[in-house]
Amino acid sequence: MFTRFKQYVYSVIRRTMCSVERTVVICVDESDNAIVAFDWYVKNFHRPENKVIAVHCPETFTNVTMMSPGRVSELIKECNEKLDSLKTKFVSRMTDSGMNGEFKAIGLEGDMKPGQAIVDFAEKSKACFIVTGTRGMGKFRRTVMGSVSDYIVHHSPCPVLVCRQKDQKEQKEKEKEKEK
């Protein structure tokens, strides 16, 4: 009986935490890990009433003032091409999955790090949860370089789902077995 009561309480909490249309923020980039996280969300977590916002925070170049105007134009053009490519890829994935969603580039104004931009966006959009992938860095590299998913987990105003990609070595072995 206690278990049923607990399930009831959790369902009430879930319903009151988010509006009828639940907003889900999915962090995307050019990596395979982003695709794995997106696909995992679609397969295991998505509900038709969810509004999905695929967000990407492009790289910012800190020493733009030291670059020639030609190089700055090239970087802007490359950034816009990457954004268009990502938007096309993830909007088509959402459409193929029959999802209510959109793509947004965030953190373009100011000098904001990706983790901070994602957390701020989730707060402004009143997201129910955030889905992100992880690169699987070791403890040392993560400490030195920083980790976007780690930042999101520690600073997010809502629950965070971090999808780890299976070890690439294991995947390659499985692919070789399938080929045989």
Protein backbone atom coordinates (compact mmCIF):
# COMPACT_ATOMS: atom_id res chain seq x y z
CA MET A 1 0.00 0.00 0.00
CA PHE A 2 2.83 2.39 0.82
CA THR A 3 4.29 1.82 -2.65
CA ARG A 4 1.03 2.87 -4.32
CA PHE A 5 0.88 5.96 -2.15
CA LYS A 6 4.49 6.80 -3.06
CA GLN A 7 3.72 6.37 -6.77
CA TYR A 8 0.67 8.62 -6.39
CA VAL A 9 2.70 11.33 -4.64
CA TYR A 10 5.38 11.19 -7.35
CA SER A 11 2.78 11.46 -10.10
CA VAL A 12 1.20 14.51 -8.41
CA ILE A 13 4.62 16.12 -8.02
CA ARG A 14 5.46 15.49 -11.68
CA ARG A 15 2.16 16.98 -12.82
CA THR A 16 2.48 20.09 -10.68
CA MET A 17 6.16 20.71 -11.45
CA CYS A 18 5.52 21.28 -15.11
CA SER A 19 2.74 22.77 -17.13
CA VAL A 20 0.51 20.66 -19.37
CA GLU A 21 3.00 21.07 -22.19
CA ARG A 22 6.27 19.96 -20.63
CA THR A 23 9.37 21.61 -22.05
CA VAL A 24 12.38 19.37 -22.51
CA VAL A 25 15.77 20.86 -23.38
CA ILE A 26 18.08 18.54 -25.31
CA CYS A 27 21.69 19.66 -25.68
CA VAL A 28 23.05 18.97 -29.15
CA ASP A 29 26.31 19.41 -31.03
CA GLU A 30 28.16 17.71 -33.89
CA SER A 31 29.19 14.68 -31.81
CA ASP A 32 27.85 11.13 -31.91
CA ASN A 33 27.16 11.48 -28.18
CA ALA A 34 24.50 14.10 -28.88
CA ILE A 35 22.79 11.78 -31.35
CA VAL A 36 22.93 8.91 -28.83
CA ALA A 37 21.38 11.14 -26.14
CA PHE A 38 18.66 12.39 -28.51
CA ASP A 39 17.81 8.87 -29.71
CA TRP A 40 17.79 7.51 -26.16
CA TYR A 41 15.40 10.26 -25.10
CA VAL A 42 13.07 9.52 -28.04
CA LYS A 43 13.09 5.77 -27.41
CA ASN A 44 12.84 5.74 -23.62
CA PHE A 45 11.53 9.04 -22.28
CA HIS A 46 9.56 11.07 -24.81
CA ARG A 47 5.84 11.69 -24.44
CA PRO A 48 3.65 13.26 -27.13
CA GLU A 49 2.74 16.22 -24.89
CA ASN A 50 6.40 17.20 -24.47
CA LYS A 51 7.70 20.24 -26.29
CA VAL A 52 11.32 19.53 -27.22
CA ILE A 53 13.86 22.29 -27.70
CA ALA A 54 17.17 21.14 -29.16
CA VAL A 55 19.74 23.71 -28.07
CA HIS A 56 23.27 24.32 -29.26
CA CYS A 57 25.81 26.75 -27.87
CA PRO A 58 28.38 27.46 -30.60
CA GLU A 59 32.04 28.02 -29.84
CA THR A 60 32.99 31.58 -29.10
CA PHE A 61 36.31 33.01 -30.11
CA THR A 62 37.82 35.11 -27.38
CA ASN A 63 40.54 36.87 -29.36
CA VAL A 64 38.37 38.12 -32.20
CA THR A 65 39.76 41.63 -31.76
CA MET A 66 43.23 40.32 -32.59
CA MET A 67 42.08 38.71 -35.86
CA SER A 68 41.83 40.23 -39.27
CA PRO A 69 38.35 41.16 -40.51
CA GLY A 70 38.65 38.49 -43.21
CA ARG A 71 39.33 35.76 -40.64
CA VAL A 72 36.43 36.95 -38.47
CA SER A 73 34.12 36.75 -41.52
CA GLU A 74 35.35 33.20 -42.22
CA LEU A 75 34.70 32.13 -38.62
CA ILE A 76 31.19 33.62 -38.67
CA LYS A 77 30.44 31.87 -41.97
CA GLU A 78 31.73 28.51 -40.60
CA CYS A 79 29.67 28.95 -37.43
CA ASN A 80 26.51 29.72 -39.41
CA GLU A 81 27.09 26.69 -41.68
CA LYS A 82 27.49 24.41 -38.63
CA LEU A 83 24.35 25.86 -37.07
CA ASP A 84 22.35 25.32 -40.28
CA SER A 85 23.64 21.74 -40.56
CA LEU A 86 22.77 20.96 -36.93
CA LYS A 87 19.36 22.58 -37.23
CA THR A 88 18.56 20.55 -40.34
CA LYS A 89 19.75 17.31 -38.73
CA PHE A 90 17.85 17.63 -35.47
CA VAL A 91 14.68 19.23 -36.85
CA SER A 92 14.42 16.34 -39.33
CA ARG A 93 14.97 13.84 -36.49
CA MET A 94 12.18 15.52 -34.52
CA THR A 95 9.88 15.51 -37.54
CA ASP A 96 10.63 11.84 -38.27
CA SER A 97 9.78 11.00 -34.66
CA GLY A 98 6.55 13.04 -34.78
CA MET A 99 7.74 15.38 -32.07
CA ASN A 100 6.62 18.91 -31.24
CA GLY A 101 9.97 20.68 -31.23
CA GLU A 102 12.33 23.35 -32.39
CA PHE A 103 16.04 24.15 -32.62
CA LYS A 104 17.66 27.13 -30.91
CA ALA A 105 21.20 28.48 -30.94
CA ILE A 106 21.96 29.93 -27.50
CA GLY A 107 24.79 31.82 -25.86
CA LEU A 108 25.50 33.90 -28.96
CA GLU A 109 25.39 37.16 -27.08
CA GLY A 110 28.13 37.80 -24.58
CA ASP A 111 30.98 35.55 -23.59
CA MET A 112 29.04 32.74 -21.97
CA LYS A 113 30.28 29.17 -21.53
CA PRO A 114 28.03 26.40 -22.93
CA GLY A 115 27.04 24.94 -19.55
CA GLN A 116 26.02 28.31 -18.18
CA ALA A 117 24.11 29.18 -21.37
CA ILE A 118 22.18 25.88 -21.23
CA VAL A 119 21.30 26.27 -17.54
CA ASP A 120 20.16 29.88 -18.10
CA PHE A 121 18.08 28.85 -21.11
CA ALA A 122 16.44 25.99 -19.18
CA GLU A 123 15.53 28.38 -16.40
CA LYS A 124 14.08 31.00 -18.77
CA SER A 125 12.10 28.41 -20.75
CA LYS A 126 10.85 26.72 -17.54
CA ALA A 127 12.15 23.35 -18.69
CA CYS A 128 10.98 20.25 -16.85
CA PHE A 129 14.28 18.53 -17.50
CA ILE A 130 17.46 18.65 -19.55
CA VAL A 131 18.89 15.82 -21.63
CA THR A 132 22.60 15.84 -22.44
CA GLY A 133 25.26 13.48 -23.64
CA THR A 134 28.72 13.09 -22.21
CA ARG A 135 32.10 12.66 -23.84
CA GLY A 136 33.25 10.20 -21.22
CA MET A 137 36.37 12.12 -20.21
CA GLY A 138 38.49 10.81 -17.39
CA LYS A 139 38.58 12.50 -14.01
CA PHE A 140 41.81 14.40 -14.74
CA ARG A 141 40.74 15.76 -18.15
CA ARG A 142 37.33 16.71 -16.80
CA THR A 143 38.96 18.59 -13.91
CA VAL A 144 41.43 20.44 -16.15
CA MET A 145 39.18 21.11 -19.15
CA GLY A 146 35.80 21.28 -17.46
CA SER A 147 32.71 19.37 -18.51
CA VAL A 148 29.50 20.83 -19.85
CA SER A 149 27.39 17.93 -18.57
CA ASP A 150 29.04 18.18 -15.15
CA TYR A 151 28.29 21.91 -14.97
CA ILE A 152 24.67 21.32 -15.99
CA VAL A 153 24.18 18.60 -13.35
CA HIS A 154 25.52 20.84 -10.59
CA HIS A 155 23.78 24.10 -11.57
CA SER A 156 20.52 23.10 -13.26
CA PRO A 157 17.19 24.35 -11.91
CA CYS A 158 15.55 21.07 -13.02
CA PRO A 159 16.39 17.35 -13.25
CA VAL A 160 19.11 16.36 -15.73
CA LEU A 161 19.33 13.15 -17.74
CA VAL A 162 22.93 12.41 -18.75
CA CYS A 163 23.22 9.74 -21.46
CA ARG A 164 26.55 7.98 -21.65
CA GLN A 165 27.54 6.44 -24.93
CA LYS A 166 28.57 2.83 -24.63
CA ASP A 167 32.29 2.31 -24.78
CA GLN A 168 33.42 2.73 -28.38
CA LYS A 169 35.63 -0.34 -28.08
CA GLU A 170 32.59 -2.45 -27.18
CA GLN A 171 30.63 -1.00 -30.10
CA LYS A 172 33.39 -1.76 -32.60
CA GLU A 173 33.62 -5.34 -31.33
CA LYS A 174 29.85 -5.79 -31.75
CA GLU A 175 30.02 -4.38 -35.28
CA LYS A 176 32.82 -6.82 -36.17
CA GLU A 177 30.75 -9.71 -34.80
CA LYS A 178 27.76 -8.64 -36.92
CA GLU A 179 29.93 -8.52 -40.06
CA LYS A 180 31.05 -12.14 -39.53
